[in-house]
N, C-alpha and C. Protein backbone atom coordinates (compact mmCIF):
# COMPACT_ATOMS: atom_id res chain seq x y z
N ASP A 1 -16.89 -10.13 -9.37
CA ASP A 1 -17.38 -9.34 -8.25
C ASP A 1 -16.83 -9.84 -6.93
N VAL A 2 -15.83 -10.73 -6.99
CA VAL A 2 -15.23 -11.27 -5.77
C VAL A 2 -13.78 -10.81 -5.63
N LEU A 3 -13.03 -10.93 -6.70
CA LEU A 3 -11.62 -10.54 -6.69
C LEU A 3 -11.45 -9.18 -7.37
N ILE A 4 -10.62 -8.35 -6.77
CA ILE A 4 -10.33 -7.03 -7.33
C ILE A 4 -8.86 -7.03 -7.73
N PRO A 5 -8.57 -7.11 -9.03
CA PRO A 5 -7.18 -7.31 -9.46
C PRO A 5 -6.32 -6.05 -9.39
N PHE A 6 -5.11 -6.23 -8.87
CA PHE A 6 -4.04 -5.24 -8.98
C PHE A 6 -3.01 -5.81 -9.96
N GLY A 7 -2.40 -4.94 -10.73
CA GLY A 7 -1.36 -5.35 -11.65
C GLY A 7 -0.03 -4.75 -11.25
N SER A 8 0.98 -5.01 -12.06
CA SER A 8 2.28 -4.38 -11.85
C SER A 8 2.97 -4.25 -13.19
N VAL A 9 3.81 -3.25 -13.31
CA VAL A 9 4.66 -3.06 -14.47
C VAL A 9 6.06 -2.73 -13.97
N ASP A 10 7.04 -2.83 -14.84
CA ASP A 10 8.42 -2.51 -14.47
C ASP A 10 8.69 -1.05 -14.79
N PRO A 11 8.82 -0.20 -13.77
CA PRO A 11 9.04 1.22 -14.02
C PRO A 11 10.28 1.50 -14.86
N LEU A 12 11.26 0.60 -14.82
CA LEU A 12 12.49 0.82 -15.57
C LEU A 12 12.28 0.73 -17.08
N ARG A 13 11.11 0.28 -17.52
CA ARG A 13 10.84 0.15 -18.95
C ARG A 13 10.29 1.44 -19.56
N GLY A 14 10.19 2.48 -18.76
CA GLY A 14 9.84 3.80 -19.29
C GLY A 14 8.51 3.85 -20.01
N PRO A 15 8.50 4.33 -21.28
CA PRO A 15 7.24 4.46 -22.01
C PRO A 15 6.48 3.14 -22.17
N VAL A 16 7.20 2.03 -22.23
CA VAL A 16 6.54 0.73 -22.33
C VAL A 16 5.71 0.46 -21.07
N ALA A 17 6.26 0.81 -19.90
CA ALA A 17 5.53 0.63 -18.65
C ALA A 17 4.27 1.48 -18.63
N VAL A 18 4.37 2.71 -19.13
CA VAL A 18 3.21 3.60 -19.19
C VAL A 18 2.13 3.00 -20.06
N SER A 19 2.50 2.50 -21.23
CA SER A 19 1.54 1.88 -22.14
C SER A 19 0.92 0.63 -21.54
N GLN A 20 1.75 -0.18 -20.86
CA GLN A 20 1.24 -1.40 -20.22
C GLN A 20 0.24 -1.06 -19.12
N ALA A 21 0.55 -0.04 -18.34
CA ALA A 21 -0.35 0.35 -17.26
C ALA A 21 -1.70 0.76 -17.83
N ARG A 22 -1.68 1.55 -18.90
CA ARG A 22 -2.92 2.00 -19.52
C ARG A 22 -3.74 0.81 -20.03
N SER A 23 -3.07 -0.15 -20.65
CA SER A 23 -3.77 -1.33 -21.17
C SER A 23 -4.34 -2.20 -20.07
N LEU A 24 -3.58 -2.36 -18.99
CA LEU A 24 -4.05 -3.20 -17.89
C LEU A 24 -5.35 -2.67 -17.29
N VAL A 25 -5.46 -1.36 -17.20
CA VAL A 25 -6.69 -0.78 -16.64
C VAL A 25 -7.82 -0.80 -17.65
N ARG A 26 -7.55 -0.33 -18.86
CA ARG A 26 -8.61 -0.15 -19.85
C ARG A 26 -9.06 -1.46 -20.49
N ASP A 27 -8.13 -2.40 -20.66
CA ASP A 27 -8.46 -3.64 -21.38
C ASP A 27 -8.63 -4.85 -20.49
N HIS A 28 -8.10 -4.78 -19.26
CA HIS A 28 -8.11 -5.97 -18.41
C HIS A 28 -8.73 -5.75 -17.03
N GLY A 29 -9.26 -4.58 -16.78
CA GLY A 29 -10.00 -4.34 -15.54
C GLY A 29 -9.18 -4.24 -14.29
N VAL A 30 -7.88 -3.95 -14.41
CA VAL A 30 -7.04 -3.78 -13.23
C VAL A 30 -7.51 -2.54 -12.47
N ARG A 31 -7.56 -2.65 -11.14
CA ARG A 31 -8.07 -1.56 -10.30
C ARG A 31 -6.99 -0.90 -9.46
N GLY A 32 -5.74 -1.25 -9.69
CA GLY A 32 -4.64 -0.64 -8.94
C GLY A 32 -3.34 -1.30 -9.34
N PHE A 33 -2.22 -0.74 -8.83
CA PHE A 33 -0.89 -1.27 -9.16
C PHE A 33 -0.07 -1.47 -7.90
N LYS A 34 0.77 -2.49 -7.93
CA LYS A 34 1.68 -2.79 -6.82
C LYS A 34 3.11 -2.67 -7.32
N PHE A 35 3.93 -1.99 -6.53
CA PHE A 35 5.35 -1.84 -6.84
C PHE A 35 6.18 -2.23 -5.63
N HIS A 36 7.38 -2.75 -5.92
CA HIS A 36 8.32 -3.12 -4.85
C HIS A 36 9.66 -2.46 -5.19
N PRO A 37 9.86 -1.22 -4.74
CA PRO A 37 11.07 -0.48 -5.13
C PRO A 37 12.37 -1.22 -4.84
N SER A 38 12.48 -1.88 -3.69
CA SER A 38 13.72 -2.58 -3.37
C SER A 38 13.96 -3.75 -4.31
N LEU A 39 12.92 -4.51 -4.58
CA LEU A 39 13.06 -5.70 -5.43
C LEU A 39 13.19 -5.32 -6.90
N GLN A 40 12.46 -4.29 -7.32
CA GLN A 40 12.52 -3.86 -8.72
C GLN A 40 13.69 -2.93 -8.99
N GLY A 41 14.33 -2.45 -7.93
CA GLY A 41 15.55 -1.67 -8.10
C GLY A 41 15.35 -0.27 -8.64
N PHE A 42 14.41 0.48 -8.05
CA PHE A 42 14.22 1.86 -8.49
C PHE A 42 13.86 2.73 -7.30
N SER A 43 14.16 4.01 -7.42
CA SER A 43 13.80 4.97 -6.39
C SER A 43 12.56 5.73 -6.86
N PRO A 44 11.45 5.58 -6.18
CA PRO A 44 10.19 6.13 -6.69
C PRO A 44 10.16 7.64 -6.82
N ASP A 45 11.07 8.35 -6.15
CA ASP A 45 11.08 9.81 -6.27
C ASP A 45 11.88 10.30 -7.48
N ASP A 46 12.51 9.38 -8.21
CA ASP A 46 13.26 9.74 -9.40
C ASP A 46 12.27 10.21 -10.48
N GLN A 47 12.49 11.40 -11.01
CA GLN A 47 11.55 11.96 -11.98
C GLN A 47 11.52 11.18 -13.29
N ALA A 48 12.44 10.26 -13.48
CA ALA A 48 12.38 9.39 -14.66
C ALA A 48 11.11 8.56 -14.67
N TYR A 49 10.53 8.34 -13.47
CA TYR A 49 9.33 7.51 -13.37
C TYR A 49 8.06 8.33 -13.26
N TYR A 50 8.20 9.63 -13.30
CA TYR A 50 7.03 10.50 -13.15
C TYR A 50 5.98 10.30 -14.26
N PRO A 51 6.37 10.02 -15.50
CA PRO A 51 5.32 9.74 -16.51
C PRO A 51 4.43 8.56 -16.13
N LEU A 52 5.00 7.57 -15.46
CA LEU A 52 4.20 6.41 -15.03
C LEU A 52 3.24 6.81 -13.93
N TRP A 53 3.73 7.58 -12.95
CA TRP A 53 2.83 8.00 -11.87
C TRP A 53 1.74 8.93 -12.44
N ALA A 54 2.09 9.75 -13.40
CA ALA A 54 1.10 10.64 -14.02
C ALA A 54 0.02 9.83 -14.74
N GLU A 55 0.43 8.75 -15.40
CA GLU A 55 -0.54 7.92 -16.12
C GLU A 55 -1.48 7.22 -15.14
N ILE A 56 -0.92 6.68 -14.06
CA ILE A 56 -1.76 6.01 -13.07
C ILE A 56 -2.71 7.01 -12.41
N GLU A 57 -2.23 8.21 -12.18
CA GLU A 57 -3.11 9.25 -11.64
C GLU A 57 -4.25 9.54 -12.60
N THR A 58 -3.95 9.64 -13.88
CA THR A 58 -4.98 9.89 -14.89
C THR A 58 -5.97 8.75 -14.97
N LEU A 59 -5.48 7.53 -14.81
CA LEU A 59 -6.35 6.35 -14.87
C LEU A 59 -7.26 6.26 -13.65
N GLY A 60 -6.91 6.98 -12.59
CA GLY A 60 -7.78 7.05 -11.42
C GLY A 60 -7.76 5.81 -10.54
N VAL A 61 -6.63 5.10 -10.53
CA VAL A 61 -6.52 3.91 -9.68
C VAL A 61 -5.36 4.10 -8.70
N PRO A 62 -5.35 3.39 -7.57
CA PRO A 62 -4.29 3.56 -6.57
C PRO A 62 -2.97 2.94 -7.02
N ALA A 63 -1.88 3.45 -6.46
CA ALA A 63 -0.56 2.84 -6.59
C ALA A 63 -0.11 2.43 -5.20
N LEU A 64 0.13 1.15 -5.03
CA LEU A 64 0.55 0.60 -3.74
C LEU A 64 2.02 0.25 -3.82
N PHE A 65 2.81 0.73 -2.87
CA PHE A 65 4.25 0.52 -2.86
C PHE A 65 4.68 -0.24 -1.62
N HIS A 66 5.49 -1.26 -1.82
CA HIS A 66 6.11 -1.91 -0.66
C HIS A 66 6.94 -0.87 0.07
N THR A 67 6.83 -0.85 1.40
CA THR A 67 7.67 0.02 2.22
C THR A 67 8.24 -0.78 3.37
N GLY A 68 9.41 -0.36 3.83
CA GLY A 68 10.04 -1.00 4.98
C GLY A 68 10.84 -2.23 4.61
N GLN A 69 11.24 -2.94 5.63
CA GLN A 69 12.06 -4.14 5.45
C GLN A 69 11.31 -5.19 4.64
N THR A 70 12.06 -6.03 3.93
CA THR A 70 11.46 -7.13 3.19
C THR A 70 12.07 -8.45 3.65
N GLY A 71 11.26 -9.49 3.64
CA GLY A 71 11.76 -10.81 3.99
C GLY A 71 12.53 -11.45 2.85
N ILE A 72 12.39 -10.91 1.64
CA ILE A 72 13.09 -11.46 0.49
C ILE A 72 14.59 -11.16 0.63
N GLY A 73 15.40 -12.17 0.61
CA GLY A 73 16.84 -12.01 0.76
C GLY A 73 17.31 -11.92 2.20
N ALA A 74 16.38 -11.94 3.15
CA ALA A 74 16.76 -11.80 4.56
C ALA A 74 17.68 -12.94 5.00
N GLY A 75 18.75 -12.59 5.69
CA GLY A 75 19.68 -13.58 6.22
C GLY A 75 20.72 -14.06 5.24
N LEU A 76 20.67 -13.58 3.99
CA LEU A 76 21.64 -13.99 2.99
C LEU A 76 22.76 -12.96 2.88
N PRO A 77 23.90 -13.35 2.40
CA PRO A 77 25.00 -12.38 2.24
C PRO A 77 24.56 -11.19 1.38
N GLY A 78 24.70 -10.00 1.95
CA GLY A 78 24.29 -8.80 1.21
C GLY A 78 22.80 -8.71 0.99
N GLY A 79 22.03 -9.56 1.70
CA GLY A 79 20.59 -9.53 1.51
C GLY A 79 20.17 -9.76 0.07
N ARG A 80 21.00 -10.58 -0.64
CA ARG A 80 20.77 -10.88 -2.06
C ARG A 80 20.84 -9.63 -2.93
N GLY A 81 21.55 -8.62 -2.42
CA GLY A 81 21.73 -7.40 -3.20
C GLY A 81 20.56 -6.44 -3.15
N ILE A 82 19.55 -6.76 -2.36
CA ILE A 82 18.34 -5.92 -2.28
C ILE A 82 18.61 -4.75 -1.33
N LYS A 83 18.33 -3.55 -1.79
CA LYS A 83 18.62 -2.33 -1.02
C LYS A 83 17.36 -1.82 -0.33
N LEU A 84 17.38 -1.90 0.99
CA LEU A 84 16.20 -1.52 1.76
C LEU A 84 15.88 -0.04 1.65
N ARG A 85 16.88 0.81 1.46
CA ARG A 85 16.64 2.25 1.44
C ARG A 85 15.67 2.66 0.34
N LEU A 86 15.57 1.85 -0.72
CA LEU A 86 14.64 2.17 -1.81
C LEU A 86 13.19 2.05 -1.37
N SER A 87 12.97 1.37 -0.25
CA SER A 87 11.62 1.21 0.29
C SER A 87 11.37 2.08 1.51
N ASP A 88 12.18 3.11 1.67
CA ASP A 88 11.91 4.13 2.68
C ASP A 88 10.67 4.90 2.24
N PRO A 89 9.60 4.93 3.04
CA PRO A 89 8.38 5.61 2.60
C PRO A 89 8.56 7.08 2.28
N MET A 90 9.58 7.73 2.85
CA MET A 90 9.78 9.15 2.57
C MET A 90 10.12 9.40 1.10
N LEU A 91 10.60 8.38 0.39
CA LEU A 91 10.84 8.54 -1.04
C LEU A 91 9.54 8.72 -1.81
N LEU A 92 8.44 8.36 -1.17
CA LEU A 92 7.12 8.51 -1.80
C LEU A 92 6.45 9.83 -1.43
N ASP A 93 7.07 10.58 -0.54
CA ASP A 93 6.47 11.86 -0.16
C ASP A 93 6.47 12.82 -1.34
N ASP A 94 7.55 12.82 -2.13
CA ASP A 94 7.58 13.65 -3.33
C ASP A 94 6.48 13.23 -4.31
N VAL A 95 6.31 11.92 -4.47
CA VAL A 95 5.30 11.40 -5.40
C VAL A 95 3.91 11.85 -4.99
N ALA A 96 3.61 11.70 -3.70
CA ALA A 96 2.29 12.09 -3.21
C ALA A 96 2.07 13.59 -3.32
N ALA A 97 3.14 14.37 -3.13
CA ALA A 97 3.02 15.82 -3.22
C ALA A 97 2.86 16.29 -4.65
N ASP A 98 3.61 15.67 -5.57
CA ASP A 98 3.60 16.11 -6.96
C ASP A 98 2.43 15.56 -7.77
N PHE A 99 1.76 14.53 -7.22
CA PHE A 99 0.58 13.95 -7.89
C PHE A 99 -0.56 13.87 -6.87
N PRO A 100 -1.14 15.01 -6.54
CA PRO A 100 -2.12 15.06 -5.44
C PRO A 100 -3.40 14.28 -5.70
N SER A 101 -3.66 13.94 -6.96
CA SER A 101 -4.85 13.14 -7.25
C SER A 101 -4.54 11.65 -7.35
N LEU A 102 -3.29 11.29 -7.12
CA LEU A 102 -2.89 9.88 -7.12
C LEU A 102 -3.01 9.32 -5.70
N THR A 103 -3.77 8.26 -5.55
CA THR A 103 -3.86 7.59 -4.25
C THR A 103 -2.62 6.72 -4.06
N VAL A 104 -1.84 7.04 -3.04
CA VAL A 104 -0.61 6.31 -2.73
C VAL A 104 -0.84 5.48 -1.47
N ILE A 105 -0.66 4.18 -1.59
CA ILE A 105 -0.82 3.28 -0.46
C ILE A 105 0.55 2.76 -0.05
N LEU A 106 0.91 2.98 1.21
CA LEU A 106 2.17 2.51 1.75
C LEU A 106 1.94 1.11 2.31
N ALA A 107 2.44 0.11 1.61
CA ALA A 107 2.19 -1.27 2.03
C ALA A 107 3.03 -1.64 3.23
N HIS A 108 2.37 -2.24 4.21
CA HIS A 108 3.01 -2.76 5.43
C HIS A 108 3.25 -1.65 6.46
N PRO A 109 3.56 -2.02 7.69
CA PRO A 109 3.81 -1.02 8.73
C PRO A 109 5.13 -0.25 8.57
N SER A 110 5.86 -0.48 7.48
CA SER A 110 7.04 0.33 7.12
C SER A 110 8.18 0.26 8.12
N VAL A 111 8.27 -0.81 8.87
CA VAL A 111 9.39 -0.96 9.82
C VAL A 111 10.70 -0.94 9.04
N PRO A 112 11.69 -0.13 9.41
CA PRO A 112 11.82 0.65 10.64
C PRO A 112 11.38 2.11 10.50
N TRP A 113 10.56 2.41 9.49
CA TRP A 113 10.18 3.80 9.22
C TRP A 113 8.70 4.05 9.47
N ALA A 114 8.13 3.39 10.46
CA ALA A 114 6.70 3.52 10.71
C ALA A 114 6.30 4.96 11.00
N ASP A 115 7.11 5.68 11.74
CA ASP A 115 6.77 7.07 12.08
C ASP A 115 6.69 7.94 10.83
N ALA A 116 7.54 7.66 9.85
CA ALA A 116 7.49 8.41 8.60
C ALA A 116 6.18 8.16 7.87
N SER A 117 5.75 6.91 7.82
CA SER A 117 4.49 6.59 7.16
C SER A 117 3.31 7.26 7.86
N ILE A 118 3.33 7.22 9.18
CA ILE A 118 2.26 7.86 9.95
C ILE A 118 2.24 9.35 9.65
N SER A 119 3.39 9.97 9.60
CA SER A 119 3.48 11.39 9.31
C SER A 119 2.94 11.71 7.92
N MET A 120 3.31 10.91 6.94
CA MET A 120 2.84 11.15 5.57
C MET A 120 1.33 10.99 5.46
N ALA A 121 0.79 9.92 6.07
CA ALA A 121 -0.65 9.69 5.99
C ALA A 121 -1.42 10.77 6.73
N THR A 122 -0.81 11.36 7.75
CA THR A 122 -1.44 12.46 8.47
C THR A 122 -1.39 13.75 7.66
N HIS A 123 -0.28 13.95 6.97
CA HIS A 123 -0.04 15.20 6.26
C HIS A 123 -0.75 15.28 4.91
N LYS A 124 -0.87 14.16 4.21
CA LYS A 124 -1.39 14.16 2.85
C LYS A 124 -2.65 13.31 2.74
N SER A 125 -3.71 13.92 2.23
CA SER A 125 -4.99 13.22 2.17
C SER A 125 -4.98 12.06 1.19
N ASN A 126 -4.04 12.03 0.26
CA ASN A 126 -4.00 10.97 -0.74
C ASN A 126 -3.06 9.83 -0.37
N VAL A 127 -2.58 9.80 0.89
CA VAL A 127 -1.67 8.74 1.34
C VAL A 127 -2.38 7.86 2.38
N TYR A 128 -2.28 6.54 2.18
CA TYR A 128 -2.90 5.56 3.08
C TYR A 128 -1.85 4.53 3.50
N ILE A 129 -2.15 3.81 4.56
CA ILE A 129 -1.26 2.77 5.07
C ILE A 129 -1.98 1.43 5.03
N ASP A 130 -1.32 0.44 4.44
CA ASP A 130 -1.85 -0.92 4.40
C ASP A 130 -1.18 -1.72 5.52
N LEU A 131 -1.95 -2.52 6.22
CA LEU A 131 -1.47 -3.21 7.42
C LEU A 131 -1.01 -4.63 7.16
N SER A 132 -0.75 -4.97 5.91
CA SER A 132 -0.36 -6.35 5.59
C SER A 132 1.11 -6.60 5.92
N GLY A 133 1.46 -7.87 5.93
CA GLY A 133 2.86 -8.25 6.04
C GLY A 133 3.36 -8.46 7.46
N TRP A 134 2.63 -7.97 8.45
CA TRP A 134 3.01 -8.14 9.85
C TRP A 134 1.78 -8.58 10.63
N SER A 135 1.99 -9.48 11.57
CA SER A 135 0.90 -9.79 12.50
C SER A 135 0.58 -8.55 13.32
N PRO A 136 -0.70 -8.25 13.55
CA PRO A 136 -1.05 -7.07 14.35
C PRO A 136 -0.39 -7.02 15.72
N LYS A 137 -0.05 -8.18 16.29
CA LYS A 137 0.56 -8.15 17.62
C LYS A 137 1.98 -7.60 17.59
N TYR A 138 2.55 -7.46 16.39
CA TYR A 138 3.89 -6.88 16.26
C TYR A 138 3.85 -5.46 15.70
N PHE A 139 2.66 -4.88 15.53
CA PHE A 139 2.59 -3.52 15.01
C PHE A 139 3.29 -2.56 15.97
N PRO A 140 4.00 -1.57 15.43
CA PRO A 140 4.56 -0.54 16.31
C PRO A 140 3.45 0.14 17.10
N PRO A 141 3.64 0.38 18.40
CA PRO A 141 2.59 1.00 19.21
C PRO A 141 2.07 2.32 18.65
N ALA A 142 2.95 3.11 18.04
CA ALA A 142 2.52 4.38 17.47
C ALA A 142 1.53 4.18 16.34
N LEU A 143 1.70 3.11 15.58
CA LEU A 143 0.78 2.82 14.48
C LEU A 143 -0.59 2.41 15.02
N VAL A 144 -0.59 1.60 16.07
CA VAL A 144 -1.86 1.17 16.68
C VAL A 144 -2.62 2.39 17.22
N ARG A 145 -1.91 3.29 17.89
CA ARG A 145 -2.56 4.49 18.44
C ARG A 145 -3.13 5.35 17.32
N ALA A 146 -2.37 5.52 16.25
CA ALA A 146 -2.83 6.35 15.14
C ALA A 146 -4.03 5.72 14.44
N ALA A 147 -3.95 4.41 14.22
CA ALA A 147 -5.05 3.71 13.54
C ALA A 147 -6.33 3.75 14.37
N ASN A 148 -6.18 3.82 15.67
CA ASN A 148 -7.33 3.81 16.56
C ASN A 148 -7.89 5.21 16.80
N SER A 149 -7.25 6.22 16.20
CA SER A 149 -7.70 7.60 16.44
C SER A 149 -7.65 8.42 15.16
N TYR A 150 -6.64 9.27 15.03
CA TYR A 150 -6.67 10.25 13.95
C TYR A 150 -6.40 9.67 12.56
N LEU A 151 -5.93 8.42 12.46
CA LEU A 151 -5.75 7.79 11.15
C LEU A 151 -6.75 6.66 10.91
N GLN A 152 -7.83 6.66 11.64
CA GLN A 152 -8.79 5.56 11.50
C GLN A 152 -9.41 5.47 10.12
N ASP A 153 -9.37 6.56 9.36
CA ASP A 153 -9.90 6.54 7.99
C ASP A 153 -8.81 6.34 6.95
N LYS A 154 -7.58 6.09 7.39
CA LYS A 154 -6.45 6.05 6.46
C LYS A 154 -5.68 4.72 6.48
N VAL A 155 -6.17 3.73 7.22
CA VAL A 155 -5.46 2.46 7.29
C VAL A 155 -6.35 1.35 6.73
N LEU A 156 -5.69 0.34 6.11
CA LEU A 156 -6.40 -0.67 5.35
C LEU A 156 -5.98 -2.08 5.78
N PHE A 157 -6.95 -2.94 5.94
CA PHE A 157 -6.70 -4.35 6.23
C PHE A 157 -5.90 -5.01 5.11
N GLY A 158 -5.01 -5.90 5.49
CA GLY A 158 -4.28 -6.73 4.53
C GLY A 158 -3.55 -7.81 5.30
N THR A 159 -3.23 -8.93 4.65
CA THR A 159 -2.58 -10.02 5.35
C THR A 159 -1.19 -10.33 4.83
N ASP A 160 -1.03 -10.53 3.53
CA ASP A 160 0.18 -11.01 2.85
C ASP A 160 0.13 -12.53 2.73
N TYR A 161 -1.06 -13.03 2.45
CA TYR A 161 -1.25 -14.46 2.21
C TYR A 161 -0.35 -14.92 1.06
N PRO A 162 0.26 -16.10 1.13
CA PRO A 162 0.08 -17.16 2.14
C PRO A 162 1.03 -17.07 3.32
N LEU A 163 1.96 -16.10 3.31
CA LEU A 163 2.90 -16.01 4.43
C LEU A 163 2.21 -15.70 5.74
N LEU A 164 1.14 -14.92 5.66
CA LEU A 164 0.34 -14.59 6.84
C LEU A 164 -1.12 -14.78 6.44
N THR A 165 -1.79 -15.74 7.04
CA THR A 165 -3.16 -16.07 6.63
C THR A 165 -4.16 -15.06 7.20
N PRO A 166 -5.29 -14.88 6.55
CA PRO A 166 -6.33 -14.01 7.10
C PRO A 166 -6.77 -14.45 8.49
N GLU A 167 -6.85 -15.76 8.71
CA GLU A 167 -7.31 -16.25 10.01
C GLU A 167 -6.36 -15.82 11.13
N ARG A 168 -5.05 -15.96 10.89
CA ARG A 168 -4.10 -15.56 11.92
C ARG A 168 -4.13 -14.05 12.12
N TRP A 169 -4.17 -13.29 11.00
CA TRP A 169 -4.16 -11.83 11.12
C TRP A 169 -5.37 -11.35 11.92
N LEU A 170 -6.54 -11.87 11.59
CA LEU A 170 -7.76 -11.43 12.27
C LEU A 170 -7.75 -11.85 13.74
N ARG A 171 -7.22 -13.04 14.03
CA ARG A 171 -7.14 -13.48 15.42
C ARG A 171 -6.24 -12.56 16.22
N ASP A 172 -5.11 -12.17 15.66
CA ASP A 172 -4.19 -11.27 16.37
C ASP A 172 -4.74 -9.85 16.42
N PHE A 173 -5.48 -9.46 15.40
CA PHE A 173 -6.11 -8.13 15.39
C PHE A 173 -7.12 -8.01 16.53
N ASP A 174 -7.78 -9.12 16.83
CA ASP A 174 -8.77 -9.12 17.91
C ASP A 174 -8.14 -8.85 19.28
N THR A 175 -6.84 -9.05 19.39
CA THR A 175 -6.18 -8.81 20.68
C THR A 175 -5.86 -7.33 20.89
N LEU A 176 -5.96 -6.52 19.84
CA LEU A 176 -5.69 -5.09 19.97
C LEU A 176 -6.89 -4.38 20.57
N ASP A 177 -6.64 -3.36 21.32
CA ASP A 177 -7.70 -2.59 21.95
C ASP A 177 -8.21 -1.53 20.98
N MET A 178 -8.92 -1.99 19.95
CA MET A 178 -9.43 -1.08 18.93
C MET A 178 -10.87 -0.70 19.25
N LYS A 179 -11.22 0.54 18.98
CA LYS A 179 -12.58 1.01 19.22
C LYS A 179 -13.56 0.28 18.29
N PRO A 180 -14.75 -0.05 18.80
CA PRO A 180 -15.71 -0.79 17.97
C PRO A 180 -16.06 -0.11 16.66
N ASP A 181 -16.11 1.23 16.65
CA ASP A 181 -16.47 1.93 15.41
C ASP A 181 -15.29 2.07 14.46
N VAL A 182 -14.07 1.76 14.93
CA VAL A 182 -12.88 1.83 14.08
C VAL A 182 -12.67 0.52 13.32
N ARG A 183 -12.99 -0.59 13.95
CA ARG A 183 -12.74 -1.91 13.35
C ARG A 183 -13.33 -2.05 11.95
N PRO A 184 -14.62 -1.75 11.73
CA PRO A 184 -15.15 -1.91 10.37
C PRO A 184 -14.52 -0.99 9.35
N LYS A 185 -14.02 0.15 9.79
CA LYS A 185 -13.33 1.04 8.86
C LYS A 185 -12.05 0.38 8.35
N ILE A 186 -11.27 -0.17 9.28
CA ILE A 186 -10.01 -0.80 8.90
C ILE A 186 -10.25 -2.05 8.06
N LEU A 187 -11.22 -2.85 8.44
CA LEU A 187 -11.42 -4.14 7.80
C LEU A 187 -12.12 -4.05 6.45
N LYS A 188 -12.90 -2.97 6.20
CA LYS A 188 -13.65 -2.95 4.95
C LYS A 188 -13.96 -1.56 4.43
N ASP A 189 -14.50 -0.70 5.28
CA ASP A 189 -15.05 0.56 4.79
C ASP A 189 -14.01 1.45 4.12
N ASN A 190 -12.81 1.53 4.68
CA ASN A 190 -11.79 2.38 4.07
C ASN A 190 -11.39 1.86 2.69
N ALA A 191 -11.31 0.55 2.55
CA ALA A 191 -10.95 -0.04 1.25
C ALA A 191 -12.03 0.23 0.21
N ILE A 192 -13.28 0.18 0.61
CA ILE A 192 -14.37 0.47 -0.33
C ILE A 192 -14.22 1.87 -0.89
N ARG A 193 -13.86 2.82 -0.01
CA ARG A 193 -13.70 4.20 -0.45
C ARG A 193 -12.46 4.36 -1.34
N VAL A 194 -11.34 3.77 -0.92
CA VAL A 194 -10.09 3.92 -1.66
C VAL A 194 -10.18 3.28 -3.04
N LEU A 195 -10.84 2.14 -3.12
CA LEU A 195 -10.95 1.43 -4.39
C LEU A 195 -12.11 1.92 -5.24
N GLY A 196 -12.88 2.87 -4.72
CA GLY A 196 -13.97 3.43 -5.49
C GLY A 196 -15.06 2.43 -5.81
N LEU A 197 -15.36 1.56 -4.84
CA LEU A 197 -16.36 0.52 -5.10
C LEU A 197 -17.78 1.03 -4.97
N GLY A 198 -17.99 2.14 -4.31
CA GLY A 198 -19.31 2.77 -4.28
C GLY A 198 -20.29 2.09 -3.37
N ASP A 199 -21.51 2.59 -3.39
CA ASP A 199 -22.56 2.12 -2.49
C ASP A 199 -23.10 0.76 -2.85
N ASN A 200 -22.81 0.28 -4.06
CA ASN A 200 -23.37 -1.00 -4.49
C ASN A 200 -22.43 -2.16 -4.23
N SER A 201 -21.41 -1.93 -3.42
CA SER A 201 -20.41 -2.97 -3.19
C SER A 201 -20.49 -3.54 -1.79
N GLY A 202 -21.65 -3.54 -1.20
CA GLY A 202 -21.80 -3.95 0.18
C GLY A 202 -21.40 -5.39 0.44
N GLU A 203 -21.46 -6.23 -0.62
CA GLU A 203 -21.12 -7.63 -0.44
C GLU A 203 -19.64 -7.90 -0.68
N ASN A 204 -18.91 -6.86 -1.09
CA ASN A 204 -17.49 -7.06 -1.39
C ASN A 204 -16.64 -6.61 -0.22
N SER A 205 -15.50 -7.22 -0.08
CA SER A 205 -14.49 -6.73 0.84
C SER A 205 -13.16 -6.80 0.12
N ALA A 206 -12.27 -5.90 0.47
CA ALA A 206 -10.99 -5.84 -0.23
C ALA A 206 -9.86 -5.98 0.76
N GLY A 207 -8.86 -6.72 0.39
CA GLY A 207 -7.67 -6.85 1.20
C GLY A 207 -6.55 -7.40 0.35
N LYS A 208 -5.35 -7.33 0.84
CA LYS A 208 -4.21 -7.80 0.06
C LYS A 208 -3.75 -9.14 0.65
């Protein structure tokens, strides 16, 4: 009742990944999945992976995708072969459209594609934005404005521990001019709804 596990599978394994996803939820209590398209080397809008998204939709748990730049391989020749374009959030727009009952979480502020993430979360009710991976003081101004107004129910607290500790994230978050009624939504209430924790989860909080 303290930790809420997310799992991951390799989409490139096809039917095996679908079977693994089903087992992780039904046999091991996984409550969501994390994918890193750039690191795992796949384009999420490729219909070859649609059976996996369909299975996760059926299982009723969220799929969280890394979006935007990654620190992995940064500064190395060729960025260690990691292709940033695979983490363009717009590649997930097809997924969110074709699986309307699948909760899609765009991990991180999606730099340099923050505006695309904001647009998707505004346009599609099943798309959310996770605020992990960046200190709040470096958030794009457009994201702060959206989170403080029309996207206040669509953004989720996260840190990216141990690279960014909860203490530092919360300290920097306190410097933002966020409305008092928006803060609890971002820090806890939105996650309770997205993770389906219900009314009996008042003592739990969720973050990445």
